[in-house]
Amino acid sequence: MALDSTERLYLERQVTLARVILGALALVALIETGGVHARRSAIIFLAIYLGLSLGAVVVGRFFGEERFRIPLTADFLALGAFLYLTPSVSAFWFLFLFVVFSLATRGNERAMFVLVAAATAGILARVAWENPFGWQSALQAITADPSIEEIILSGGDPLSLTDARLGQLTDALRAVPHIRRLRLHTRTPIVLPERVDSGFLSWLEALPWPTVMVLHANHANEIDAGVRAAASRLRTAGATLLNQSVLLGGINDSVVALEALSQALWSAQVLPYYLHLLDRVRGTAHWEVPESHARVMMARLASRLPGYLLPRLVRESAGAPAKTIVASAPWDVLHSSGQFE
């Protein structure tokens, strides 16, 4: 049903007011969520847009609705420009909601659905292009918390990223004054030592913090000449090298195998760090080693190796803030529940 002039004027006023309200909310969201990473250009652009929106309200109030009206096409263009400029997804959605509301008041359902699809695709592409791994929100949290002194890159293998991507992350971290250390957990130098190339070493040498690399070798046979050469390059670039292993039945669940692993790691100037009990994940039960047997092996291993070559026996517990240390020194094993006689 067609709207009469009074109804149309009322809806136009609602659109004009909504532009101001949602534009102001977008500006607040941009400032709050953008933090130190908020682009100045995005804030300036949104402030200008909000100023024009306020101007439209003032002119309409004192001089009549027809004197100054922002066309819907301009709102579409502003939405697209803001999508490109803003680092804040929430700020973008406020403007998006305004444009959807504006279309709804005109009864243009087809255009509304097209806009929703286009905006959703646009914001996904925008986030994937600039922040594919969710680093922006993590950087904001790190910046806001001065108790965070060490950054750990893990959870997947950070060396699967390109040197350029690693550089983008650490360049952003340089602006955080309370960071004191960087740690990388990686298996790549064990399985693909060629990844430790000149480009990666240049990135590593340029880091402003002491850097620890925790490698992941489970058996002495993994430590060959290529791994030792890669470890040498990493040490020359300034990295401290540690190793974590998983205790695996039939692979390294003997004192002889664990001693050989520690000795092989030492030949590459890598210190044993953690020996993990297996996480109970479906399909891996055949590799599980009982904790009692692990404690006995650790006690015997302690009698054959110096302390600096003895890893700490640990387990991951769901919901725990850190690893649970099962045994970290000979006396932890010898005097725990009579497991060793």
C-alpha atoms as a PDB file:
ATOM      1  CA  MET A   1       0.000   0.000   0.000  1.00  0.00           C
ATOM      2  CA  ALA A   2       1.365   3.405  -1.015  1.00  0.00           C
ATOM      3  CA  LEU A   3       2.287   5.823   1.749  1.00  0.00           C
ATOM      4  CA  ASP A   4       0.811   9.308   1.885  1.00  0.00           C
ATOM      5  CA  SER A   5       3.049  12.349   2.257  1.00  0.00           C
ATOM      6  CA  THR A   6       2.690  12.543   6.062  1.00  0.00           C
ATOM      7  CA  GLU A   7       3.667   8.915   6.548  1.00  0.00           C
ATOM      8  CA  ARG A   8       6.587   9.259   4.148  1.00  0.00           C
ATOM      9  CA  LEU A   9       7.808  12.397   5.954  1.00  0.00           C
ATOM     10  CA  TYR A  10       7.614  10.568   9.297  1.00  0.00           C
ATOM     11  CA  LEU A  11       9.710   7.670   7.966  1.00  0.00           C
ATOM     12  CA  GLU A  12      12.259  10.062   6.473  1.00  0.00           C
ATOM     13  CA  ARG A  13      12.676  11.686   9.876  1.00  0.00           C
ATOM     14  CA  GLN A  14      13.204   8.278  11.487  1.00  0.00           C
ATOM     15  CA  VAL A  15      15.873   7.436   8.921  1.00  0.00           C
ATOM     16  CA  THR A  16      17.612  10.770   9.521  1.00  0.00           C
ATOM     17  CA  LEU A  17      17.650  10.217  13.288  1.00  0.00           C
ATOM     18  CA  ALA A  18      18.717   6.569  12.936  1.00  0.00           C
ATOM     19  CA  ARG A  19      21.681   7.654  10.795  1.00  0.00           C
ATOM     20  CA  VAL A  20      22.927   9.859  13.634  1.00  0.00           C
ATOM     21  CA  ILE A  21      22.334   7.310  16.403  1.00  0.00           C
ATOM     22  CA  LEU A  22      23.875   4.324  14.643  1.00  0.00           C
ATOM     23  CA  GLY A  23      26.694   6.446  13.257  1.00  0.00           C
ATOM     24  CA  ALA A  24      27.545   7.589  16.790  1.00  0.00           C
ATOM     25  CA  LEU A  25      27.438   3.983  18.049  1.00  0.00           C
ATOM     26  CA  ALA A  26      29.743   2.941  15.218  1.00  0.00           C
ATOM     27  CA  LEU A  27      32.221   5.671  16.175  1.00  0.00           C
ATOM     28  CA  VAL A  28      32.190   4.562  19.822  1.00  0.00           C
ATOM     29  CA  ALA A  29      32.665   0.925  18.802  1.00  0.00           C
ATOM     30  CA  LEU A  30      35.530   1.888  16.503  1.00  0.00           C
ATOM     31  CA  ILE A  31      37.350   3.803  19.229  1.00  0.00           C
ATOM     32  CA  GLU A  32      36.774   1.142  21.899  1.00  0.00           C
ATOM     33  CA  THR A  33      37.567  -1.985  19.905  1.00  0.00           C
ATOM     34  CA  GLY A  34      40.178  -0.526  17.612  1.00  0.00           C
ATOM     35  CA  GLY A  35      42.492   0.582  20.421  1.00  0.00           C
ATOM     36  CA  VAL A  36      45.994   1.422  19.265  1.00  0.00           C
ATOM     37  CA  HIS A  37      45.278  -0.374  16.010  1.00  0.00           C
ATOM     38  CA  ALA A  38      42.322   1.822  15.014  1.00  0.00           C
ATOM     39  CA  ARG A  39      43.141   3.588  11.785  1.00  0.00           C
ATOM     40  CA  ARG A  40      43.058   7.360  11.970  1.00  0.00           C
ATOM     41  CA  SER A  41      41.521   7.483   8.493  1.00  0.00           C
ATOM     42  CA  ALA A  42      38.569   5.342   9.641  1.00  0.00           C
ATOM     43  CA  ILE A  43      37.901   7.601  12.632  1.00  0.00           C
ATOM     44  CA  ILE A  44      38.142  10.771  10.528  1.00  0.00           C
ATOM     45  CA  PHE A  45      35.866   9.324   7.851  1.00  0.00           C
ATOM     46  CA  LEU A  46      33.249   8.252  10.373  1.00  0.00           C
ATOM     47  CA  ALA A  47      33.433  11.594  12.205  1.00  0.00           C
ATOM     48  CA  ILE A  48      32.772  13.454   8.919  1.00  0.00           C
ATOM     49  CA  TYR A  49      29.872  11.119   8.104  1.00  0.00           C
ATOM     50  CA  LEU A  50      28.423  11.656  11.580  1.00  0.00           C
ATOM     51  CA  GLY A  51      28.836  15.431  11.219  1.00  0.00           C
ATOM     52  CA  LEU A  52      26.893  15.420   7.942  1.00  0.00           C
ATOM     53  CA  SER A  53      24.222  13.261   9.565  1.00  0.00           C
ATOM     54  CA  LEU A  54      23.870  15.738  12.425  1.00  0.00           C
ATOM     55  CA  GLY A  55      23.733  18.551   9.874  1.00  0.00           C
ATOM     56  CA  ALA A  56      20.824  16.849   8.142  1.00  0.00           C
ATOM     57  CA  VAL A  57      18.943  16.633  11.454  1.00  0.00           C
ATOM     58  CA  VAL A  58      19.565  20.294  12.299  1.00  0.00           C
ATOM     59  CA  VAL A  59      18.617  21.546   8.837  1.00  0.00           C
ATOM     60  CA  GLY A  60      15.468  19.414   8.830  1.00  0.00           C
ATOM     61  CA  ARG A  61      14.501  20.703  12.263  1.00  0.00           C
ATOM     62  CA  PHE A  62      14.882  24.406  11.505  1.00  0.00           C
ATOM     63  CA  PHE A  63      14.595  24.772   7.747  1.00  0.00           C
ATOM     64  CA  GLY A  64      12.399  21.912   6.545  1.00  0.00           C
ATOM     65  CA  GLU A  65      13.011  18.341   5.473  1.00  0.00           C
ATOM     66  CA  GLU A  66      13.635  19.128   1.817  1.00  0.00           C
ATOM     67  CA  ARG A  67      16.530  21.577   2.309  1.00  0.00           C
ATOM     68  CA  PHE A  68      19.230  19.021   3.037  1.00  0.00           C
ATOM     69  CA  ARG A  69      18.726  15.305   2.652  1.00  0.00           C
ATOM     70  CA  ILE A  70      21.464  12.679   2.339  1.00  0.00           C
ATOM     71  CA  PRO A  71      20.545  10.299  -0.512  1.00  0.00           C
ATOM     72  CA  LEU A  72      20.531   6.560   0.118  1.00  0.00           C
ATOM     73  CA  THR A  73      23.175   6.148  -2.596  1.00  0.00           C
ATOM     74  CA  ALA A  74      25.569   8.187  -0.456  1.00  0.00           C
ATOM     75  CA  ASP A  75      24.882   5.887   2.497  1.00  0.00           C
ATOM     76  CA  PHE A  76      25.730   2.866   0.330  1.00  0.00           C
ATOM     77  CA  LEU A  77      28.986   4.473  -0.772  1.00  0.00           C
ATOM     78  CA  ALA A  78      29.827   5.388   2.820  1.00  0.00           C
ATOM     79  CA  LEU A  79      29.189   1.810   3.925  1.00  0.00           C
ATOM     80  CA  GLY A  80      31.531   0.435   1.264  1.00  0.00           C
ATOM     81  CA  ALA A  81      34.256   2.957   2.071  1.00  0.00           C
ATOM     82  CA  PHE A  82      33.993   2.242   5.782  1.00  0.00           C
ATOM     83  CA  LEU A  83      34.244  -1.497   5.162  1.00  0.00           C
ATOM     84  CA  TYR A  84      37.591  -0.844   3.485  1.00  0.00           C
ATOM     85  CA  LEU A  85      38.877   1.566   6.147  1.00  0.00           C
ATOM     86  CA  THR A  86      37.736   0.136   9.460  1.00  0.00           C
ATOM     87  CA  PRO A  87      39.670  -2.389  11.581  1.00  0.00           C
ATOM     88  CA  SER A  88      36.507  -2.927  13.667  1.00  0.00           C
ATOM     89  CA  VAL A  89      33.852  -5.379  12.492  1.00  0.00           C
ATOM     90  CA  SER A  90      31.387  -4.280  15.195  1.00  0.00           C
ATOM     91  CA  ALA A  91      31.645  -0.631  14.080  1.00  0.00           C
ATOM     92  CA  PHE A  92      30.850  -1.655  10.510  1.00  0.00           C
ATOM     93  CA  TRP A  93      27.734  -3.553  11.567  1.00  0.00           C
ATOM     94  CA  PHE A  94      26.210  -0.443  13.138  1.00  0.00           C
ATOM     95  CA  LEU A  95      26.345   1.367   9.791  1.00  0.00           C
ATOM     96  CA  PHE A  96      25.149  -1.764   8.054  1.00  0.00           C
ATOM     97  CA  LEU A  97      22.092  -1.956  10.318  1.00  0.00           C
ATOM     98  CA  PHE A  98      21.259   1.655   9.496  1.00  0.00           C
ATOM     99  CA  VAL A  99      21.314   1.027   5.737  1.00  0.00           C
ATOM    100  CA  VAL A 100      19.157  -2.093   6.160  1.00  0.00           C
ATOM    101  CA  PHE A 101      16.677  -0.051   8.240  1.00  0.00           C
ATOM    102  CA  SER A 102      16.673   2.654   5.582  1.00  0.00           C
ATOM    103  CA  LEU A 103      15.853   0.109   2.881  1.00  0.00           C
ATOM    104  CA  ALA A 104      13.155  -1.444   5.054  1.00  0.00           C
ATOM    105  CA  THR A 105      11.365   1.907   5.402  1.00  0.00           C
ATOM    106  CA  ARG A 106      11.208   2.074   1.616  1.00  0.00           C
ATOM    107  CA  GLY A 107       9.755  -1.436   1.319  1.00  0.00           C
ATOM    108  CA  ASN A 108      12.598  -2.576  -0.935  1.00  0.00           C
ATOM    109  CA  GLU A 109      12.971  -6.184   0.225  1.00  0.00           C
ATOM    110  CA  ARG A 110      14.977  -7.381  -2.768  1.00  0.00           C
ATOM    111  CA  ALA A 111      17.620  -4.701  -2.305  1.00  0.00           C
ATOM    112  CA  MET A 112      17.670  -5.468   1.410  1.00  0.00           C
ATOM    113  CA  PHE A 113      18.460  -9.152   0.841  1.00  0.00           C
ATOM    114  CA  VAL A 114      21.119  -8.285  -1.736  1.00  0.00           C
ATOM    115  CA  LEU A 115      22.716  -5.867   0.735  1.00  0.00           C
ATOM    116  CA  VAL A 116      22.757  -8.460   3.523  1.00  0.00           C
ATOM    117  CA  ALA A 117      24.456 -11.016   1.256  1.00  0.00           C
ATOM    118  CA  ALA A 118      26.941  -8.487  -0.121  1.00  0.00           C
ATOM    119  CA  ALA A 119      27.830  -7.087   3.303  1.00  0.00           C
ATOM    120  CA  THR A 120      28.304 -10.544   4.800  1.00  0.00           C
ATOM    121  CA  ALA A 121      30.575 -11.590   1.945  1.00  0.00           C
ATOM    122  CA  GLY A 122      32.414  -8.274   2.143  1.00  0.00           C
ATOM    123  CA  ILE A 123      33.135  -8.448   5.862  1.00  0.00           C
ATOM    124  CA  LEU A 124      34.289 -12.071   5.591  1.00  0.00           C
ATOM    125  CA  ALA A 125      36.637 -11.126   2.772  1.00  0.00           C
ATOM    126  CA  ARG A 126      37.826  -8.074   4.697  1.00  0.00           C
ATOM    127  CA  VAL A 127      38.626 -10.080   7.816  1.00  0.00           C
ATOM    128  CA  ALA A 128      40.236 -12.888   5.817  1.00  0.00           C
ATOM    129  CA  TRP A 129      42.384 -10.400   3.917  1.00  0.00           C
ATOM    130  CA  GLU A 130      43.693  -8.428   6.869  1.00  0.00           C
ATOM    131  CA  ASN A 131      43.237 -10.657   9.915  1.00  0.00           C
ATOM    132  CA  PRO A 132      42.995 -14.296   8.768  1.00  0.00           C
ATOM    133  CA  PHE A 133      44.116 -15.837  12.061  1.00  0.00           C
ATOM    134  CA  GLY A 134      42.283 -13.536  14.473  1.00  0.00           C
ATOM    135  CA  TRP A 135      45.484 -11.727  15.404  1.00  0.00           C
ATOM    136  CA  GLN A 136      43.843  -8.317  15.720  1.00  0.00           C
ATOM    137  CA  SER A 137      41.741  -9.229  18.745  1.00  0.00           C
ATOM    138  CA  ALA A 138      44.671 -11.128  20.293  1.00  0.00           C
ATOM    139  CA  LEU A 139      46.950  -8.123  19.847  1.00  0.00           C
ATOM    140  CA  GLN A 140      44.387  -5.874  21.500  1.00  0.00           C
ATOM    141  CA  ALA A 141      44.138  -8.228  24.485  1.00  0.00           C
ATOM    142  CA  ILE A 142      47.934  -8.474  24.798  1.00  0.00           C
ATOM    143  CA  THR A 143      48.341  -4.705  24.614  1.00  0.00           C
ATOM    144  CA  ALA A 144      45.740  -4.162  27.320  1.00  0.00           C
ATOM    145  CA  ASP A 145      47.279  -6.643  29.789  1.00  0.00           C
ATOM    146  CA  PRO A 146      50.709  -5.621  31.166  1.00  0.00           C
ATOM    147  CA  SER A 147      51.029  -8.933  33.032  1.00  0.00           C
ATOM    148  CA  ILE A 148      51.672 -10.704  29.701  1.00  0.00           C
ATOM    149  CA  GLU A 149      55.447 -10.844  29.327  1.00  0.00           C
ATOM    150  CA  GLU A 150      55.886 -13.856  27.037  1.00  0.00           C
ATOM    151  CA  ILE A 151      54.262 -14.543  23.678  1.00  0.00           C
ATOM    152  CA  ILE A 152      53.955 -18.196  22.597  1.00  0.00           C
ATOM    153  CA  LEU A 153      53.365 -19.072  18.942  1.00  0.00           C
ATOM    154  CA  SER A 154      51.955 -22.590  18.818  1.00  0.00           C
ATOM    155  CA  GLY A 155      48.715 -24.446  18.198  1.00  0.00           C
ATOM    156  CA  GLY A 156      49.488 -25.603  14.697  1.00  0.00           C
ATOM    157  CA  ASP A 157      53.019 -24.906  13.583  1.00  0.00           C
ATOM    158  CA  PRO A 158      54.088 -21.245  13.323  1.00  0.00           C
ATOM    159  CA  LEU A 159      56.779 -22.180  10.799  1.00  0.00           C
ATOM    160  CA  SER A 160      54.019 -23.182   8.382  1.00  0.00           C
ATOM    161  CA  LEU A 161      53.462 -19.429   7.969  1.00  0.00           C
ATOM    162  CA  THR A 162      55.519 -17.425   5.523  1.00  0.00           C
ATOM    163  CA  ASP A 163      58.341 -15.208   6.758  1.00  0.00           C
ATOM    164  CA  ALA A 164      56.293 -12.187   5.652  1.00  0.00           C
ATOM    165  CA  ARG A 165      53.302 -13.256   7.758  1.00  0.00           C
ATOM    166  CA  LEU A 166      55.509 -13.899  10.780  1.00  0.00           C
ATOM    167  CA  GLY A 167      57.035 -10.475  10.243  1.00  0.00           C
ATOM    168  CA  GLN A 168      53.628  -8.803  10.200  1.00  0.00           C
ATOM    169  CA  LEU A 169      52.799 -10.348  13.555  1.00  0.00           C
ATOM    170  CA  THR A 170      56.076  -9.536  15.297  1.00  0.00           C
ATOM    171  CA  ASP A 171      56.125  -6.018  13.832  1.00  0.00           C
ATOM    172  CA  ALA A 172      52.771  -5.421  15.529  1.00  0.00           C
ATOM    173  CA  LEU A 173      54.081  -6.900  18.778  1.00  0.00           C
ATOM    174  CA  ARG A 174      57.051  -4.506  18.824  1.00  0.00           C
ATOM    175  CA  ALA A 175      54.699  -1.726  19.897  1.00  0.00           C
ATOM    176  CA  VAL A 176      53.791  -3.599  23.111  1.00  0.00           C
ATOM    177  CA  PRO A 177      56.258  -2.430  25.786  1.00  0.00           C
ATOM    178  CA  HIS A 178      55.710  -5.181  28.366  1.00  0.00           C
ATOM    179  CA  ILE A 179      56.684  -8.143  26.139  1.00  0.00           C
ATOM    180  CA  ARG A 180      60.005  -9.615  27.281  1.00  0.00           C
ATOM    181  CA  ARG A 181      60.239 -13.004  25.516  1.00  0.00           C
ATOM    182  CA  LEU A 182      59.024 -14.816  22.405  1.00  0.00           C
ATOM    183  CA  ARG A 183      58.600 -18.582  22.295  1.00  0.00           C
ATOM    184  CA  LEU A 184      57.853 -20.765  19.264  1.00  0.00           C
ATOM    185  CA  HIS A 185      56.721 -24.387  19.462  1.00  0.00           C
ATOM    186  CA  THR A 186      57.501 -26.143  16.199  1.00  0.00           C
ATOM    187  CA  ARG A 187      58.206 -29.551  14.706  1.00  0.00           C
ATOM    188  CA  THR A 188      59.172 -28.170  11.309  1.00  0.00           C
ATOM    189  CA  PRO A 189      62.982 -28.052  11.855  1.00  0.00           C
ATOM    190  CA  ILE A 190      62.797 -31.791  12.671  1.00  0.00           C
ATOM    191  CA  VAL A 191      60.758 -32.889   9.650  1.00  0.00           C
ATOM    192  CA  LEU A 192      61.775 -30.120   7.213  1.00  0.00           C
ATOM    193  CA  PRO A 193      65.076 -28.575   8.339  1.00  0.00           C
ATOM    194  CA  GLU A 194      65.321 -26.727   5.008  1.00  0.00           C
ATOM    195  CA  ARG A 195      62.608 -24.374   6.312  1.00  0.00           C
ATOM    196  CA  VAL A 196      65.314 -22.793   8.460  1.00  0.00           C
ATOM    197  CA  ASP A 197      66.564 -20.765   5.497  1.00  0.00           C
ATOM    198  CA  SER A 198      68.135 -17.343   5.121  1.00  0.00           C
ATOM    199  CA  GLY A 199      64.775 -15.537   5.070  1.00  0.00           C
ATOM    200  CA  PHE A 200      63.595 -17.133   8.287  1.00  0.00           C
ATOM    201  CA  LEU A 201      66.953 -16.559   9.971  1.00  0.00           C
ATOM    202  CA  SER A 202      66.867 -12.881   8.984  1.00  0.00           C
ATOM    203  CA  TRP A 203      63.451 -12.575  10.635  1.00  0.00           C
ATOM    204  CA  LEU A 204      64.730 -14.355  13.743  1.00  0.00           C
ATOM    205  CA  GLU A 205      67.884 -12.224  14.038  1.00  0.00           C
ATOM    206  CA  ALA A 206      65.868  -8.991  13.774  1.00  0.00           C
ATOM    207  CA  LEU A 207      63.578  -9.804  16.716  1.00  0.00           C
ATOM    208  CA  PRO A 208      63.950  -7.414  19.659  1.00  0.00           C
ATOM    209  CA  TRP A 209      63.323 -10.070  22.341  1.00  0.00           C
ATOM    210  CA  PRO A 210      65.181 -13.172  23.551  1.00  0.00           C
ATOM    211  CA  THR A 211      63.664 -16.056  21.589  1.00  0.00           C
ATOM    212  CA  VAL A 212      63.108 -19.661  22.650  1.00  0.00           C
ATOM    213  CA  MET A 213      62.304 -22.395  20.131  1.00  0.00           C
ATOM    214  CA  VAL A 214      60.779 -25.584  21.507  1.00  0.00           C
ATOM    215  CA  LEU A 215      61.309 -28.361  18.971  1.00  0.00           C
ATOM    216  CA  HIS A 216      59.361 -31.634  18.889  1.00  0.00           C
ATOM    217  CA  ALA A 217      61.395 -34.790  18.393  1.00  0.00           C
ATOM    218  CA  ASN A 218      60.224 -38.129  19.798  1.00  0.00           C
ATOM    219  CA  HIS A 219      63.086 -40.472  18.861  1.00  0.00           C
ATOM    220  CA  ALA A 220      66.849 -40.245  18.479  1.00  0.00           C
ATOM    221  CA  ASN A 221      66.601 -41.392  14.840  1.00  0.00           C
ATOM    222  CA  GLU A 222      64.936 -38.074  13.986  1.00  0.00           C
ATOM    223  CA  ILE A 223      68.089 -36.140  14.878  1.00  0.00           C
ATOM    224  CA  ASP A 224      70.180 -36.456  11.711  1.00  0.00           C
ATOM    225  CA  ALA A 225      72.809 -34.238  10.099  1.00  0.00           C
ATOM    226  CA  GLY A 226      70.186 -31.983   8.519  1.00  0.00           C
ATOM    227  CA  VAL A 227      68.481 -31.371  11.861  1.00  0.00           C
ATOM    228  CA  ARG A 228      71.804 -30.678  13.584  1.00  0.00           C
ATOM    229  CA  ALA A 229      72.708 -28.181  10.857  1.00  0.00           C
ATOM    230  CA  ALA A 230      69.330 -26.442  11.176  1.00  0.00           C
ATOM    231  CA  ALA A 231      69.739 -26.302  14.960  1.00  0.00           C
ATOM    232  CA  SER A 232      73.181 -24.764  14.521  1.00  0.00           C
ATOM    233  CA  ARG A 233      71.740 -22.063  12.263  1.00  0.00           C
ATOM    234  CA  LEU A 234      69.001 -21.320  14.778  1.00  0.00           C
ATOM    235  CA  ARG A 235      71.487 -20.987  17.640  1.00  0.00           C
ATOM    236  CA  THR A 236      73.699 -18.702  15.561  1.00  0.00           C
ATOM    237  CA  ALA A 237      70.645 -16.505  14.943  1.00  0.00           C
ATOM    238  CA  GLY A 238      70.179 -16.182  18.699  1.00  0.00           C
ATOM    239  CA  ALA A 239      67.526 -18.776  19.558  1.00  0.00           C
ATOM    240  CA  THR A 240      67.623 -20.884  22.712  1.00  0.00           C
ATOM    241  CA  LEU A 241      66.677 -24.448  21.728  1.00  0.00           C
ATOM    242  CA  LEU A 242      64.591 -26.839  23.835  1.00  0.00           C
ATOM    243  CA  ASN A 243      62.738 -30.027  22.944  1.00  0.00           C
ATOM    244  CA  GLN A 244      59.456 -31.586  23.974  1.00  0.00           C
ATOM    245  CA  SER A 245      58.560 -35.217  23.312  1.00  0.00           C
ATOM    246  CA  VAL A 246      55.523 -37.434  23.704  1.00  0.00           C
ATOM    247  CA  LEU A 247      55.943 -40.782  25.454  1.00  0.00           C
ATOM    248  CA  LEU A 248      54.702 -43.326  22.904  1.00  0.00           C
ATOM    249  CA  GLY A 249      54.273 -47.042  23.466  1.00  0.00           C
ATOM    250  CA  GLY A 250      56.423 -49.040  21.062  1.00  0.00           C
ATOM    251  CA  ILE A 251      58.323 -45.925  19.952  1.00  0.00           C
ATOM    252  CA  ASN A 252      60.252 -44.466  22.877  1.00  0.00           C
ATOM    253  CA  ASP A 253      58.854 -46.181  25.986  1.00  0.00           C
ATOM    254  CA  SER A 254      62.165 -47.548  27.237  1.00  0.00           C
ATOM    255  CA  VAL A 255      65.038 -46.133  29.234  1.00  0.00           C
ATOM    256  CA  VAL A 256      67.415 -46.923  26.379  1.00  0.00           C
ATOM    257  CA  ALA A 257      65.287 -45.023  23.825  1.00  0.00           C
ATOM    258  CA  LEU A 258      64.805 -41.992  26.074  1.00  0.00           C
ATOM    259  CA  GLU A 259      68.497 -41.856  26.968  1.00  0.00           C
ATOM    260  CA  ALA A 260      69.429 -42.053  23.291  1.00  0.00           C
ATOM    261  CA  LEU A 261      66.991 -39.221  22.516  1.00  0.00           C
ATOM    262  CA  SER A 262      68.487 -36.958  25.187  1.00  0.00           C
ATOM    263  CA  GLN A 263      72.015 -37.709  23.978  1.00  0.00           C
ATOM    264  CA  ALA A 264      71.039 -37.068  20.346  1.00  0.00           C
ATOM    265  CA  LEU A 265      69.407 -33.786  21.289  1.00  0.00           C
ATOM    266  CA  TRP A 266      72.543 -32.746  23.160  1.00  0.00           C
ATOM    267  CA  SER A 267      74.605 -33.528  20.061  1.00  0.00           C
ATOM    268  CA  ALA A 268      72.491 -30.842  18.340  1.00  0.00           C
ATOM    269  CA  GLN A 269      72.843 -28.526  21.362  1.00  0.00           C
ATOM    270  CA  VAL A 270      69.129 -28.842  22.169  1.00  0.00           C
ATOM    271  CA  LEU A 271      68.081 -29.321  25.806  1.00  0.00           C
ATOM    272  CA  PRO A 272      65.302 -31.807  26.700  1.00  0.00           C
ATOM    273  CA  TYR A 273      62.412 -29.827  28.177  1.00  0.00           C
ATOM    274  CA  TYR A 274      59.175 -31.829  28.464  1.00  0.00           C
ATOM    275  CA  LEU A 275      58.232 -35.491  28.134  1.00  0.00           C
ATOM    276  CA  HIS A 276      54.453 -35.590  27.718  1.00  0.00           C
ATOM    277  CA  LEU A 277      52.171 -38.377  28.772  1.00  0.00           C
ATOM    278  CA  LEU A 278      49.834 -39.092  25.884  1.00  0.00           C
ATOM    279  CA  ASP A 279      46.613 -37.097  25.623  1.00  0.00           C
ATOM    280  CA  ARG A 280      43.670 -39.477  25.663  1.00  0.00           C
ATOM    281  CA  VAL A 281      42.329 -38.830  22.187  1.00  0.00           C
ATOM    282  CA  ARG A 282      40.178 -41.300  20.289  1.00  0.00           C
ATOM    283  CA  GLY A 283      42.259 -43.664  18.168  1.00  0.00           C
ATOM    284  CA  THR A 284      45.554 -43.262  20.068  1.00  0.00           C
ATOM    285  CA  ALA A 285      45.085 -45.694  22.988  1.00  0.00           C
ATOM    286  CA  HIS A 286      47.592 -48.175  21.529  1.00  0.00           C
ATOM    287  CA  TRP A 287      50.364 -45.599  22.095  1.00  0.00           C
ATOM    288  CA  GLU A 288      49.506 -44.861  25.717  1.00  0.00           C
ATOM    289  CA  VAL A 289      52.115 -45.636  28.388  1.00  0.00           C
ATOM    290  CA  PRO A 290      50.875 -46.040  31.997  1.00  0.00           C
ATOM    291  CA  GLU A 291      51.971 -43.273  34.338  1.00  0.00           C
ATOM    292  CA  SER A 292      53.447 -45.803  36.792  1.00  0.00           C
ATOM    293  CA  HIS A 293      55.736 -47.171  34.069  1.00  0.00           C
ATOM    294  CA  ALA A 294      56.677 -43.638  33.015  1.00  0.00           C
ATOM    295  CA  ARG A 295      57.703 -42.806  36.589  1.00  0.00           C
ATOM    296  CA  VAL A 296      59.885 -45.911  36.826  1.00  0.00           C
ATOM    297  CA  MET A 297      61.609 -45.038  33.559  1.00  0.00           C
ATOM    298  CA  MET A 298      62.216 -41.471  34.682  1.00  0.00           C
ATOM    299  CA  ALA A 299      63.834 -42.673  37.906  1.00  0.00           C
ATOM    300  CA  ARG A 300      66.140 -45.024  36.009  1.00  0.00           C
ATOM    301  CA  LEU A 301      66.861 -42.340  33.436  1.00  0.00           C
ATOM    302  CA  ALA A 302      67.883 -39.971  36.220  1.00  0.00           C
ATOM    303  CA  SER A 303      70.604 -42.412  37.282  1.00  0.00           C
ATOM    304  CA  ARG A 304      72.068 -42.444  33.743  1.00  0.00           C
ATOM    305  CA  LEU A 305      71.916 -38.796  32.662  1.00  0.00           C
ATOM    306  CA  PRO A 306      73.001 -35.452  34.110  1.00  0.00           C
ATOM    307  CA  GLY A 307      70.138 -33.300  35.376  1.00  0.00           C
ATOM    308  CA  TYR A 308      70.212 -30.905  32.431  1.00  0.00           C
ATOM    309  CA  LEU A 309      69.455 -33.795  30.034  1.00  0.00           C
ATOM    310  CA  LEU A 310      66.489 -35.053  32.053  1.00  0.00           C
ATOM    311  CA  PRO A 311      63.123 -33.774  30.740  1.00  0.00           C
ATOM    312  CA  ARG A 312      60.197 -33.053  33.041  1.00  0.00           C
ATOM    313  CA  LEU A 313      57.429 -35.644  32.860  1.00  0.00           C
ATOM    314  CA  VAL A 314      54.152 -33.759  32.337  1.00  0.00           C
ATOM    315  CA  ARG A 315      50.559 -34.176  31.252  1.00  0.00           C
ATOM    316  CA  GLU A 316      47.958 -31.859  29.773  1.00  0.00           C
ATOM    317  CA  SER A 317      44.740 -31.660  31.783  1.00  0.00           C
ATOM    318  CA  ALA A 318      41.566 -30.247  30.283  1.00  0.00           C
ATOM    319  CA  GLY A 319      40.769 -26.854  31.794  1.00  0.00           C
ATOM    320  CA  ALA A 320      44.084 -26.554  33.637  1.00  0.00           C
ATOM    321  CA  PRO A 321      45.918 -23.228  33.178  1.00  0.00           C
ATOM    322  CA  ALA A 322      49.245 -25.000  32.617  1.00  0.00           C
ATOM    323  CA  LYS A 323      50.820 -28.421  32.252  1.00  0.00           C
ATOM    324  CA  THR A 324      50.728 -30.708  35.275  1.00  0.00           C
ATOM    325  CA  ILE A 325      54.243 -31.763  36.275  1.00  0.00           C
ATOM    326  CA  VAL A 326      54.247 -35.481  37.064  1.00  0.00           C
ATOM    327  CA  ALA A 327      58.001 -35.693  37.729  1.00  0.00           C
ATOM    328  CA  SER A 328      60.709 -33.071  37.249  1.00  0.00           C
ATOM    329  CA  ALA A 329      63.626 -34.480  39.254  1.00  0.00           C
ATOM    330  CA  PRO A 330      64.823 -37.869  40.574  1.00  0.00           C
ATOM    331  CA  TRP A 331      63.391 -37.313  44.066  1.00  0.00           C
ATOM    332  CA  ASP A 332      59.947 -36.545  42.600  1.00  0.00           C
ATOM    333  CA  VAL A 333      59.926 -40.059  41.201  1.00  0.00           C
ATOM    334  CA  LEU A 334      61.673 -41.984  43.948  1.00  0.00           C
ATOM    335  CA  HIS A 335      59.333 -40.698  46.656  1.00  0.00           C
ATOM    336  CA  SER A 336      55.968 -40.711  44.918  1.00  0.00           C
ATOM    337  CA  SER A 337      53.477 -43.387  45.948  1.00  0.00           C
ATOM    338  CA  GLY A 338      56.139 -46.099  46.146  1.00  0.00           C
ATOM    339  CA  GLN A 339      56.202 -46.468  42.383  1.00  0.00           C
ATOM    340  CA  PHE A 340      59.916 -47.221  42.339  1.00  0.00           C
ATOM    341  CA  GLU A 341      61.444 -49.878  44.540  1.00  0.00           C
END
